[in-house]
Protein backbone atom coordinates (compact mmCIF):
# COMPACT_ATOMS: atom_id res chain seq x y z
CA MET A 1 105.15 -63.70 95.04
CA ALA A 2 103.80 -65.88 92.23
CA ASN A 3 104.53 -69.59 92.41
CA PRO A 4 107.36 -70.28 89.91
CA ASN A 5 105.98 -73.79 89.30
CA PRO A 6 102.18 -73.57 89.51
CA THR A 7 99.90 -76.56 89.12
CA ALA A 8 97.04 -76.67 86.63
CA LEU A 9 94.13 -79.10 86.52
CA ILE A 10 92.20 -79.37 83.25
CA VAL A 11 88.72 -80.87 83.61
CA ARG A 12 86.97 -81.50 80.31
CA GLY A 13 84.00 -83.30 78.87
CA GLY A 14 80.32 -82.86 78.18
CA TRP A 15 78.97 -82.18 74.71
CA ASP A 16 81.54 -83.14 72.07
CA GLY A 17 80.37 -80.39 69.71
CA HIS A 18 82.31 -77.90 71.80
CA GLU A 19 85.52 -79.86 71.17
CA PRO A 20 86.59 -80.03 74.83
CA VAL A 21 89.62 -82.23 74.09
CA GLN A 22 90.85 -80.28 71.08
CA THR A 23 90.45 -76.85 72.66
CA THR A 24 92.04 -77.74 75.99
CA ASP A 25 94.88 -79.63 74.30
CA SER A 26 95.66 -76.48 72.33
CA PHE A 27 96.43 -74.56 75.54
CA ILE A 28 98.59 -77.19 77.25
CA PRO A 29 101.81 -76.12 75.46
CA PHE A 30 101.23 -72.53 76.63
CA LEU A 31 100.74 -73.67 80.22
CA GLU A 32 103.81 -75.89 80.12
CA LYS A 33 105.87 -73.07 78.59
CA ASN A 34 104.87 -71.02 81.64
CA ASN A 35 106.11 -73.79 83.97
CA TYR A 36 102.72 -75.18 84.94
CA GLN A 37 102.55 -78.82 85.97
CA VAL A 38 99.45 -79.94 84.08
CA ARG A 39 97.06 -82.74 84.98
CA VAL A 40 94.10 -83.63 82.72
CA GLU A 41 90.89 -85.30 83.88
CA ASP A 42 87.88 -86.35 81.83
CA SER A 43 85.56 -86.45 84.84
CA THR A 44 84.41 -84.06 87.54
CA ALA A 45 85.08 -86.79 90.13
CA VAL A 46 88.45 -85.16 90.81
CA TYR A 47 86.66 -82.18 92.38
CA ALA A 48 85.73 -84.39 95.34
CA ASP A 49 89.42 -84.90 96.16
CA THR A 50 89.78 -81.83 98.36
CA ASP A 51 93.27 -82.73 99.53
CA TYR A 52 94.46 -82.69 95.95
CA LEU A 53 92.56 -79.50 95.08
CA ASP A 54 94.40 -77.76 97.92
CA THR A 55 97.55 -78.17 95.81
CA VAL A 56 96.03 -76.82 92.57
CA ASP A 57 96.72 -73.22 91.55
CA LEU A 58 94.56 -73.17 88.40
CA ILE A 59 91.53 -75.16 87.27
CA VAL A 60 90.67 -74.95 83.57
CA GLN A 61 87.18 -76.35 83.06
CA VAL A 62 85.55 -77.13 79.72
CA VAL A 63 82.52 -79.31 80.53
CA THR A 64 79.34 -78.39 78.66
CA MET A 65 76.02 -79.23 80.33
CA SER A 66 76.39 -82.56 82.20
CA THR A 67 75.70 -82.86 85.92
CA ILE A 68 77.86 -82.60 89.01
CA GLU A 69 77.58 -84.48 92.30
CA ASN A 70 77.15 -82.54 95.54
CA ASP A 71 80.55 -83.50 96.93
CA GLU A 72 82.22 -82.56 93.66
CA LEU A 73 80.56 -79.15 93.56
CA LYS A 74 81.40 -78.54 97.21
CA GLY A 75 85.03 -79.37 96.46
CA LEU A 76 85.15 -77.04 93.46
CA CYS A 77 83.53 -74.12 95.27
CA GLY A 78 85.73 -74.66 98.30
CA ALA A 79 88.90 -74.75 96.23
CA VAL A 80 88.07 -71.45 94.54
CA ALA A 81 87.13 -69.83 97.85
CA ASN A 82 90.48 -70.98 99.23
CA GLY A 83 92.41 -69.37 96.38
CA THR A 84 92.46 -71.74 93.39
CA GLY A 85 91.87 -69.87 90.14
CA LEU A 86 89.11 -71.07 87.80
CA ALA A 87 89.05 -70.37 84.07
CA GLY A 88 87.07 -71.59 81.09
CA TRP A 89 85.33 -70.68 77.89
CA HIS A 90 81.97 -70.87 76.19
CA GLY A 91 79.58 -73.64 77.27
CA GLY A 92 82.41 -75.40 79.06
CA ILE A 93 82.07 -72.97 81.95
CA ALA A 94 78.98 -70.82 81.26
CA ASP A 95 76.64 -73.72 80.41
CA SER A 96 77.72 -76.37 82.90
CA TYR A 97 75.74 -78.26 85.54
CA ARG A 98 72.32 -76.78 84.98
CA ASN A 99 71.15 -78.79 88.01
CA SER A 100 73.13 -76.55 90.38
CA ALA A 101 72.18 -73.04 91.45
CA ASP A 102 75.35 -72.90 93.57
CA TYR A 103 77.47 -73.41 90.47
CA LEU A 104 75.62 -70.61 88.67
CA GLN A 105 76.30 -68.29 91.60
CA LEU A 106 79.99 -69.23 91.53
CA ILE A 107 80.38 -68.45 87.82
CA GLY A 108 78.11 -65.41 87.64
CA GLY A 109 76.70 -66.05 84.17
CA GLN A 110 74.55 -68.69 82.49
CA PHE A 111 74.07 -69.29 78.77
CA ALA A 112 70.44 -68.69 77.83
CA HIS A 113 70.34 -68.47 74.03
CA HIS A 114 72.22 -68.03 70.79
CA GLN A 115 70.13 -66.56 68.03
CA ALA A 116 69.78 -68.05 64.58
CA LYS A 117 71.38 -66.22 61.70
CA ALA A 118 68.24 -66.01 59.59
CA ARG A 119 64.50 -66.56 59.54
CA PRO A 120 63.41 -70.10 60.48
CA GLU A 121 62.44 -70.99 56.93
CA GLU A 122 65.92 -70.02 55.69
CA LEU A 123 67.91 -72.24 58.04
CA LYS A 124 69.75 -75.41 57.00
CA GLY A 125 69.09 -77.41 60.16
CA ASP A 126 72.72 -77.82 61.22
CA GLY A 127 75.04 -76.22 63.77
CA THR A 128 75.98 -73.35 61.49
CA ASP A 129 72.42 -72.02 61.78
CA ASN A 130 73.61 -70.27 64.95
CA PHE A 131 76.86 -68.90 63.55
CA VAL A 132 76.48 -65.15 63.23
CA ARG A 133 78.95 -62.34 62.64
CA TYR A 134 79.23 -60.21 65.76
CA THR A 135 81.57 -57.86 67.58
CA VAL A 136 83.22 -58.27 70.97
CA ASN A 137 83.54 -54.80 72.47
CA ILE A 138 86.30 -54.14 75.01
CA LEU A 139 84.96 -51.79 77.67
CA PRO A 140 86.88 -48.48 77.49
CA GLU A 141 87.22 -48.33 81.27
CA GLN A 142 88.85 -51.80 81.23
CA LYS A 143 91.26 -51.22 78.32
CA ASP A 144 94.27 -51.32 80.65
CA HIS A 145 93.25 -54.52 82.43
CA PRO A 146 96.02 -57.13 82.05
CA ILE A 147 93.67 -59.57 80.34
CA VAL A 148 92.58 -57.23 77.52
CA ALA A 149 95.29 -54.55 77.43
CA GLY A 150 96.19 -53.62 73.87
CA ILE A 151 93.32 -55.60 72.34
CA GLU A 152 90.84 -53.69 70.19
CA ASP A 153 87.22 -54.61 69.51
CA PHE A 154 87.16 -57.68 67.28
CA GLU A 155 84.70 -59.64 65.16
CA LEU A 156 83.88 -63.33 65.21
CA GLU A 157 81.59 -65.59 63.22
CA THR A 158 80.33 -68.17 65.67
CA GLU A 159 77.67 -68.54 68.37
CA GLN A 160 76.91 -65.26 70.12
CA TYR A 161 75.99 -66.03 73.71
CA TRP A 162 73.02 -64.36 75.36
CA VAL A 163 74.08 -64.63 79.00
CA LEU A 164 72.03 -64.14 82.16
CA SER A 165 74.36 -62.53 84.69
CA ASP A 166 74.64 -60.30 87.76
CA ASP A 167 76.53 -57.12 88.57
CA TYR A 168 79.04 -58.82 90.83
CA ASN A 169 80.97 -59.68 87.67
CA ASP A 170 83.84 -57.45 86.61
CA VAL A 171 83.00 -57.24 82.92
CA LEU A 172 85.91 -56.67 80.54
CA ALA A 173 84.06 -56.97 77.23
CA THR A 174 80.48 -57.13 76.01
CA THR A 175 78.56 -58.10 72.91
CA THR A 176 75.23 -56.70 71.71
CA ILE A 177 72.57 -58.97 70.27
CA PRO A 178 70.38 -57.13 67.76
CA ALA A 179 66.58 -57.21 67.70
CA ARG A 180 65.48 -58.17 64.20
CA ASP A 181 61.94 -58.00 62.89
CA PHE A 182 61.49 -61.77 63.28
CA ASP A 183 62.94 -62.03 66.82
CA ASN A 184 60.75 -62.25 69.90
CA TRP A 185 62.72 -59.59 71.77
CA ARG A 186 62.05 -55.97 70.89
CA ARG A 187 65.32 -54.16 71.64
CA PRO A 188 69.03 -54.98 71.45
CA ILE A 189 70.49 -56.87 74.42
CA THR A 190 74.03 -56.21 75.65
CA CYS A 191 75.59 -59.17 77.46
CA PRO A 192 78.98 -59.77 79.06
CA ALA A 193 81.36 -61.60 76.73
CA ILE A 194 84.48 -61.62 78.91
CA TRP A 195 84.39 -61.26 82.68
CA THR A 196 86.18 -62.01 85.92
CA ARG A 197 84.77 -62.64 89.38
CA GLN A 198 86.24 -62.76 92.86
CA TRP A 199 85.04 -65.67 95.02
CA GLY A 200 86.52 -65.81 98.49
CA ASN A 201 90.28 -65.83 97.98
CA GLY A 202 89.98 -67.10 94.41
CA LYS A 203 89.45 -65.51 91.01
CA ILE A 204 87.33 -66.69 88.09
CA PHE A 205 87.73 -65.93 84.39
CA VAL A 206 85.09 -66.57 81.72
CA SER A 207 85.25 -66.10 77.96
CA THR A 208 81.98 -66.77 76.17
CA PRO A 209 83.75 -67.02 72.77
CA GLY A 210 85.22 -70.50 72.42
CA HIS A 211 82.69 -72.71 70.64
CA GLN A 212 85.37 -74.81 68.99
CA LEU A 213 89.06 -74.88 68.13
CA SER A 214 88.71 -72.47 65.21
CA VAL A 215 87.29 -69.86 67.60
CA VAL A 216 89.93 -70.16 70.32
CA ASP A 217 92.52 -69.99 67.52
CA ASN A 218 91.38 -66.44 66.78
CA PRO A 219 94.40 -64.36 67.91
CA SER A 220 92.37 -62.06 70.17
CA VAL A 221 90.44 -64.92 71.77
CA ARG A 222 93.57 -66.98 72.35
CA THR A 223 95.45 -64.07 73.87
CA ILE A 224 92.55 -63.23 76.17
CA ILE A 225 92.18 -66.83 77.36
CA GLU A 226 95.92 -67.26 77.90
CA ARG A 227 96.08 -64.05 79.90
CA GLY A 228 92.92 -65.00 81.79
CA MET A 229 94.42 -68.30 82.92
CA LEU A 230 97.57 -66.56 84.15
CA TRP A 231 95.61 -63.80 85.87
CA VAL A 232 93.39 -66.09 87.95
CA THR A 233 96.16 -68.46 88.98
CA ARG A 234 96.72 -68.52 92.74
């Protein structure tokens, strides 16, 4: 039976360009509406408090890049293995702690690239250079999964993540990066865009869309993230 009053820990930080405060704040009302007791931390130090993590049903992490101490990583991995759900989006979960191979194995996907929208000489030199129009494709065989049920393929204009991943992921949606005549790759690359992963007794949810508040406000993205948080909760 699901816990009627689950606990959620939000851990946020890293690169401010991904709006970790704004995006996580936008989901707190949803969690509270679903009876979660929410705690927010701006540091990964909380992961070293294993006694506390034993009481947490859901960790929402949005920490881009940064580093993590060994005891913190051990606490996070142990909590998930013991049944705590882990959810996050974009670089806040798929581009965290590049110093840790163990973290990469836990998550199952690592950001590698987001292509520019035009030839180098046509770019403006700001963050929008990597905003491209692309499609998130729900896998037909996953169309009844609780996280994506009823959601059709949808388009976004934001960073399109090229992700390095493994086949232990349960992929719910993909995105295909084209090969243009000025790109170094020579054929289109299909990458996971939404996936889950089982780790010990815990579940993990990753959405690569989520660059900033305007992206998580997309109705399909928001619904998928909300459902993902519920689905991984202990």
